[in-house]
């Protein structure tokens, strides 16, 4: 079975606002994923992080702090969602 998370774009929310944005770029093992984060201002790749499947799918109250992942089917959906809510008016 193909891994449906690979290639997906995401925002990570803290306190109800997107604090980080990125893309799932690889699967290390059954529970760990490599994720490329992107700069909010320029959109350039910034740092690479490893997240567990539990971190990416747990409810906010289970995770450290107030973090929650929201996934998108592709980069167009990802950009449009952000622009619709936080873009310049």
Protein backbone atom coordinates (compact mmCIF):
# COMPACT_ATOMS: atom_id res chain seq x y z
CA UNK A 1 0.00 0.00 0.00
CA UNK A 2 1.28 3.46 -0.89
CA UNK A 3 1.85 5.93 1.89
CA UNK A 4 -0.72 8.70 1.47
CA UNK A 5 1.23 11.21 3.61
CA UNK A 6 4.26 11.32 1.32
CA UNK A 7 4.30 14.52 -0.72
CA UNK A 8 1.50 16.15 1.26
CA UNK A 9 1.83 19.79 2.30
CA UNK A 10 0.85 20.96 5.76
CA UNK A 11 0.58 23.78 8.25
CA UNK A 12 1.38 23.26 11.92
CA UNK A 13 -0.85 25.37 14.12
CA UNK A 14 0.01 26.77 17.52
CA UNK A 15 -2.64 28.66 19.48
CA UNK A 16 -4.98 28.50 16.49
CA UNK A 17 -2.58 30.11 13.99
CA UNK A 18 -0.25 28.52 11.43
CA UNK A 19 3.29 28.78 12.83
CA UNK A 20 5.07 26.43 10.44
CA UNK A 21 4.49 25.15 6.93
CA UNK A 22 6.04 22.26 5.11
CA UNK A 23 5.88 19.09 3.10
CA UNK A 24 6.25 15.42 4.04
CA UNK A 25 9.24 14.37 1.93
CA UNK A 26 10.15 10.92 3.19
CA UNK A 27 9.35 8.02 5.46
CA UNK A 28 12.21 6.82 7.66
CA UNK A 29 10.40 3.86 9.21
CA UNK A 30 6.85 2.91 10.17
CA UNK A 31 6.46 5.81 12.59
CA UNK A 32 8.95 8.55 11.57
CA UNK A 33 8.65 11.01 8.68
CA UNK A 34 11.09 13.50 7.21
CA UNK A 35 9.49 16.92 6.68
CA UNK A 36 10.86 19.94 4.84
CA UNK A 37 9.77 23.22 6.44
CA UNK A 38 9.40 26.40 4.38
CA UNK A 39 9.91 30.04 5.29
CA UNK A 40 6.63 31.98 5.53
CA UNK A 41 7.98 35.21 4.05
CA UNK A 42 10.01 34.03 1.07
CA UNK A 43 8.65 30.49 0.74
CA UNK A 44 12.16 29.07 0.53
CA UNK A 45 13.06 25.72 2.14
CA UNK A 46 14.35 26.29 5.66
CA UNK A 47 14.97 23.31 7.93
CA UNK A 48 14.24 19.60 7.82
CA UNK A 49 12.56 17.96 10.81
CA UNK A 50 11.58 14.45 11.80
CA UNK A 51 8.05 14.01 13.11
CA UNK A 52 6.31 10.88 14.30
CA UNK A 53 2.97 9.77 12.93
CA UNK A 54 1.56 10.34 16.44
CA UNK A 55 2.71 13.97 16.40
CA UNK A 56 1.13 14.53 13.00
CA UNK A 57 -2.20 12.86 13.78
CA UNK A 58 -2.82 13.30 17.52
CA UNK A 59 -5.40 15.68 18.83
CA UNK A 60 -4.10 18.96 20.17
CA UNK A 61 -4.50 18.04 23.85
CA UNK A 62 -2.28 14.96 23.43
CA UNK A 63 0.63 16.79 21.82
CA UNK A 64 3.33 18.83 23.50
CA UNK A 65 2.03 22.37 23.65
CA UNK A 66 -0.86 23.44 21.47
CA UNK A 67 0.23 22.04 18.10
CA UNK A 68 -1.91 20.52 15.37
CA UNK A 69 -1.14 19.50 11.78
CA UNK A 70 -3.47 20.31 8.88
CA UNK A 71 -2.73 18.55 5.57
CA UNK A 72 -3.44 19.54 1.96
CA UNK A 73 -3.66 17.45 -1.21
CA UNK A 74 -1.14 19.60 -3.11
CA UNK A 75 0.80 22.87 -2.97
CA UNK A 76 -1.94 24.79 -4.80
CA UNK A 77 -4.52 23.85 -2.16
CA UNK A 78 -1.98 24.64 0.58
CA UNK A 79 -1.20 28.13 -0.80
CA UNK A 80 -4.83 28.95 -1.57
CA UNK A 81 -6.01 27.99 1.90
CA UNK A 82 -3.42 30.27 3.52
CA UNK A 83 -4.04 33.15 1.11
CA UNK A 84 -7.82 32.97 1.64
CA UNK A 85 -7.42 33.30 5.40
CA UNK A 86 -4.27 35.31 6.01
CA UNK A 87 -3.32 36.91 2.66
CA UNK A 88 -3.27 40.57 1.90
CA UNK A 89 -6.69 42.11 1.36
